[in-house]
N, C-alpha and C. Protein backbone atom coordinates (compact mmCIF):
# COMPACT_ATOMS: atom_id res chain seq x y z
N MET A 1 0.85 -1.17 0.00
CA MET A 1 0.00 0.00 0.00
C MET A 1 0.89 1.24 0.00
N ARG A 2 0.53 2.18 -0.81
CA ARG A 2 1.29 3.43 -0.90
C ARG A 2 0.84 4.40 0.19
N LEU A 3 1.74 5.29 0.55
CA LEU A 3 1.45 6.30 1.55
C LEU A 3 0.27 7.17 1.13
N SER A 4 0.19 7.48 -0.14
CA SER A 4 -0.91 8.32 -0.64
C SER A 4 -2.26 7.62 -0.49
N GLU A 5 -2.28 6.29 -0.44
CA GLU A 5 -3.53 5.55 -0.28
C GLU A 5 -4.05 5.62 1.17
N LEU A 6 -3.18 5.91 2.13
CA LEU A 6 -3.59 6.03 3.53
C LEU A 6 -4.27 7.37 3.80
N SER A 7 -3.86 8.39 3.07
CA SER A 7 -4.36 9.73 3.30
C SER A 7 -5.87 9.81 3.10
N GLY A 8 -6.54 10.48 4.02
CA GLY A 8 -7.98 10.70 3.91
C GLY A 8 -8.84 9.60 4.52
N LYS A 9 -8.21 8.55 5.03
CA LYS A 9 -8.99 7.47 5.64
C LYS A 9 -9.40 7.86 7.06
N GLU A 10 -10.61 7.48 7.41
CA GLU A 10 -11.14 7.72 8.74
C GLU A 10 -10.54 6.69 9.70
N ILE A 11 -10.18 7.11 10.91
CA ILE A 11 -9.60 6.22 11.90
C ILE A 11 -10.63 5.96 12.98
N VAL A 12 -10.93 4.66 13.23
CA VAL A 12 -11.98 4.26 14.16
C VAL A 12 -11.39 3.31 15.19
N ASP A 13 -11.66 3.58 16.48
CA ASP A 13 -11.25 2.71 17.58
C ASP A 13 -12.33 1.66 17.76
N VAL A 14 -11.98 0.37 17.59
CA VAL A 14 -12.95 -0.71 17.63
C VAL A 14 -13.53 -0.92 19.04
N LYS A 15 -12.73 -0.71 20.09
CA LYS A 15 -13.23 -0.93 21.46
C LYS A 15 -14.19 0.17 21.90
N LYS A 16 -13.85 1.40 21.61
CA LYS A 16 -14.68 2.53 22.03
C LYS A 16 -15.78 2.85 21.01
N ALA A 17 -15.67 2.24 19.84
CA ALA A 17 -16.62 2.50 18.74
C ALA A 17 -16.76 4.00 18.48
N GLU A 18 -15.59 4.67 18.39
CA GLU A 18 -15.64 6.10 18.12
C GLU A 18 -14.65 6.48 17.04
N ARG A 19 -14.98 7.53 16.34
CA ARG A 19 -14.15 8.09 15.29
C ARG A 19 -13.08 8.96 15.94
N LEU A 20 -11.81 8.71 15.59
CA LEU A 20 -10.72 9.48 16.17
C LEU A 20 -10.25 10.61 15.27
N GLY A 21 -10.49 10.49 14.00
CA GLY A 21 -10.06 11.53 13.08
C GLY A 21 -9.81 10.99 11.70
N ILE A 22 -9.25 11.82 10.85
CA ILE A 22 -8.93 11.44 9.48
C ILE A 22 -7.44 11.61 9.29
N LEU A 23 -6.83 10.59 8.71
CA LEU A 23 -5.39 10.60 8.53
C LEU A 23 -5.01 11.47 7.34
N GLY A 24 -4.09 12.39 7.58
CA GLY A 24 -3.54 13.23 6.51
C GLY A 24 -2.16 12.71 6.14
N GLN A 25 -1.58 13.25 5.12
CA GLN A 25 -0.29 12.75 4.66
C GLN A 25 0.85 13.02 5.63
N THR A 26 0.73 14.01 6.49
CA THR A 26 1.83 14.35 7.39
C THR A 26 1.64 13.79 8.79
N ASP A 27 0.64 12.93 8.98
CA ASP A 27 0.31 12.44 10.31
C ASP A 27 0.92 11.07 10.59
N LEU A 28 2.20 10.91 10.24
CA LEU A 28 2.88 9.64 10.43
C LEU A 28 4.24 9.85 11.07
N GLU A 29 4.67 8.86 11.85
CA GLU A 29 6.03 8.84 12.38
C GLU A 29 6.73 7.68 11.69
N ILE A 30 7.80 7.97 10.96
CA ILE A 30 8.48 6.98 10.13
C ILE A 30 9.90 6.74 10.64
N ASN A 31 10.30 5.48 10.70
CA ASN A 31 11.66 5.12 11.08
C ASN A 31 12.60 5.55 9.96
N GLU A 32 13.57 6.40 10.26
CA GLU A 32 14.47 6.94 9.25
C GLU A 32 15.36 5.87 8.64
N ASN A 33 15.69 4.83 9.40
CA ASN A 33 16.60 3.79 8.91
C ASN A 33 15.90 2.79 8.00
N THR A 34 14.69 2.38 8.35
CA THR A 34 14.00 1.33 7.59
C THR A 34 12.92 1.88 6.65
N GLY A 35 12.43 3.09 6.92
CA GLY A 35 11.37 3.66 6.12
C GLY A 35 9.99 3.14 6.48
N GLN A 36 9.90 2.35 7.55
CA GLN A 36 8.62 1.79 7.97
C GLN A 36 7.86 2.77 8.86
N ILE A 37 6.52 2.73 8.73
CA ILE A 37 5.68 3.57 9.58
C ILE A 37 5.67 2.97 10.97
N GLN A 38 5.94 3.81 11.99
CA GLN A 38 5.95 3.36 13.38
C GLN A 38 4.68 3.76 14.11
N THR A 39 4.20 4.96 13.86
CA THR A 39 3.09 5.52 14.61
C THR A 39 2.21 6.39 13.73
N LEU A 40 0.90 6.29 13.93
CA LEU A 40 -0.03 7.23 13.32
C LEU A 40 -0.23 8.36 14.32
N LEU A 41 -0.16 9.60 13.88
CA LEU A 41 -0.35 10.76 14.74
C LEU A 41 -1.66 11.42 14.34
N ILE A 42 -2.62 11.40 15.27
CA ILE A 42 -3.93 11.96 14.99
C ILE A 42 -4.07 13.25 15.77
N PRO A 43 -4.11 14.40 15.10
CA PRO A 43 -4.22 15.66 15.82
C PRO A 43 -5.55 15.78 16.55
N SER A 44 -5.50 16.30 17.78
CA SER A 44 -6.72 16.62 18.52
C SER A 44 -7.19 17.98 18.06
N LEU A 45 -8.47 18.09 17.78
CA LEU A 45 -9.00 19.36 17.28
C LEU A 45 -9.90 20.01 18.31
N LYS A 46 -9.92 21.34 18.31
CA LYS A 46 -10.87 22.05 19.14
C LYS A 46 -11.85 22.76 18.21
N TRP A 47 -12.61 23.66 18.70
CA TRP A 47 -13.65 24.33 17.92
C TRP A 47 -13.11 24.90 16.61
N PHE A 48 -13.91 24.84 15.60
CA PHE A 48 -13.64 25.40 14.27
C PHE A 48 -12.46 24.72 13.57
N GLY A 49 -12.01 23.55 14.07
CA GLY A 49 -10.98 22.78 13.39
C GLY A 49 -9.56 23.23 13.64
N PHE A 50 -9.34 24.18 14.56
CA PHE A 50 -7.98 24.61 14.84
C PHE A 50 -7.31 23.62 15.78
N ARG A 51 -6.03 23.35 15.55
CA ARG A 51 -5.31 22.37 16.35
C ARG A 51 -4.97 22.92 17.73
N LYS A 52 -5.03 22.03 18.71
CA LYS A 52 -4.54 22.38 20.04
C LYS A 52 -3.02 22.22 20.01
N GLN A 53 -2.33 23.08 20.66
CA GLN A 53 -0.87 23.03 20.67
C GLN A 53 -0.37 21.75 21.35
N GLY A 54 0.40 20.94 20.62
CA GLY A 54 1.09 19.79 21.19
C GLY A 54 0.22 18.61 21.57
N GLU A 55 -1.07 18.63 21.32
CA GLU A 55 -1.91 17.51 21.70
C GLU A 55 -2.24 16.66 20.49
N GLU A 56 -2.01 15.36 20.61
CA GLU A 56 -2.31 14.43 19.53
C GLU A 56 -2.48 13.04 20.11
N ILE A 57 -3.15 12.20 19.36
CA ILE A 57 -3.30 10.81 19.74
C ILE A 57 -2.25 10.02 18.98
N ARG A 58 -1.45 9.23 19.68
CA ARG A 58 -0.39 8.43 19.06
C ARG A 58 -0.84 6.97 19.02
N VAL A 59 -0.91 6.41 17.82
CA VAL A 59 -1.34 5.02 17.65
C VAL A 59 -0.19 4.23 17.05
N PRO A 60 0.46 3.34 17.84
CA PRO A 60 1.53 2.50 17.29
C PRO A 60 1.00 1.62 16.15
N TRP A 61 1.83 1.39 15.15
CA TRP A 61 1.44 0.64 13.97
C TRP A 61 0.91 -0.75 14.33
N ASN A 62 1.44 -1.38 15.39
CA ASN A 62 1.01 -2.73 15.75
C ASN A 62 -0.42 -2.76 16.32
N HIS A 63 -1.04 -1.62 16.58
CA HIS A 63 -2.42 -1.57 17.06
C HIS A 63 -3.43 -1.43 15.92
N ILE A 64 -2.94 -1.36 14.69
CA ILE A 64 -3.84 -1.29 13.54
C ILE A 64 -4.30 -2.71 13.22
N LYS A 65 -5.60 -2.90 13.19
CA LYS A 65 -6.15 -4.24 12.94
C LYS A 65 -6.55 -4.43 11.48
N LYS A 66 -7.04 -3.38 10.82
CA LYS A 66 -7.52 -3.53 9.44
C LYS A 66 -7.49 -2.18 8.75
N ILE A 67 -7.01 -2.17 7.51
CA ILE A 67 -7.06 -0.98 6.67
C ILE A 67 -7.99 -1.30 5.51
N GLY A 68 -9.12 -0.61 5.48
CA GLY A 68 -10.11 -0.82 4.44
C GLY A 68 -10.08 0.30 3.43
N PRO A 69 -11.01 0.27 2.47
CA PRO A 69 -11.04 1.30 1.43
C PRO A 69 -11.38 2.70 1.95
N GLU A 70 -12.10 2.78 3.10
CA GLU A 70 -12.52 4.09 3.61
C GLU A 70 -12.04 4.36 5.04
N MET A 71 -11.64 3.32 5.77
CA MET A 71 -11.26 3.57 7.16
C MET A 71 -10.16 2.64 7.63
N ILE A 72 -9.56 3.04 8.74
CA ILE A 72 -8.52 2.26 9.42
C ILE A 72 -9.09 1.89 10.78
N ILE A 73 -9.15 0.59 11.09
CA ILE A 73 -9.66 0.10 12.36
C ILE A 73 -8.49 -0.14 13.29
N ILE A 74 -8.54 0.47 14.48
CA ILE A 74 -7.46 0.28 15.45
C ILE A 74 -8.01 -0.33 16.73
N ASP A 75 -7.13 -0.99 17.49
CA ASP A 75 -7.50 -1.61 18.75
C ASP A 75 -6.38 -1.29 19.75
N ILE A 76 -6.63 -0.31 20.60
CA ILE A 76 -5.63 0.12 21.58
C ILE A 76 -5.96 -0.53 22.92
N PRO A 77 -4.98 -1.25 23.52
CA PRO A 77 -5.24 -1.85 24.84
C PRO A 77 -5.60 -0.78 25.87
N ASP A 78 -6.40 -1.16 26.86
CA ASP A 78 -6.86 -0.23 27.89
C ASP A 78 -5.73 0.36 28.72
N GLU A 79 -4.62 -0.34 28.87
CA GLU A 79 -3.52 0.15 29.70
C GLU A 79 -2.87 1.39 29.13
N GLU A 80 -2.97 1.61 27.81
CA GLU A 80 -2.23 2.72 27.19
C GLU A 80 -2.97 4.00 27.24
């Protein structure tokens, strides 16, 4: 799957059954040595869509359960 194919997908937490956001092209943490995606970074938004300073949801790649045509399903353990 290409990086451009991830952009615009809705991210849904399967345990909480809630929408966390939409992945943009710059919302990734990539390992510089291997080029593999390590973490999805989902910005927290406040009113009118403006970003809160420094607040984001970090989803490690190993918590992604399924990438479909329109959404990414994640499963984050309760301890995190």
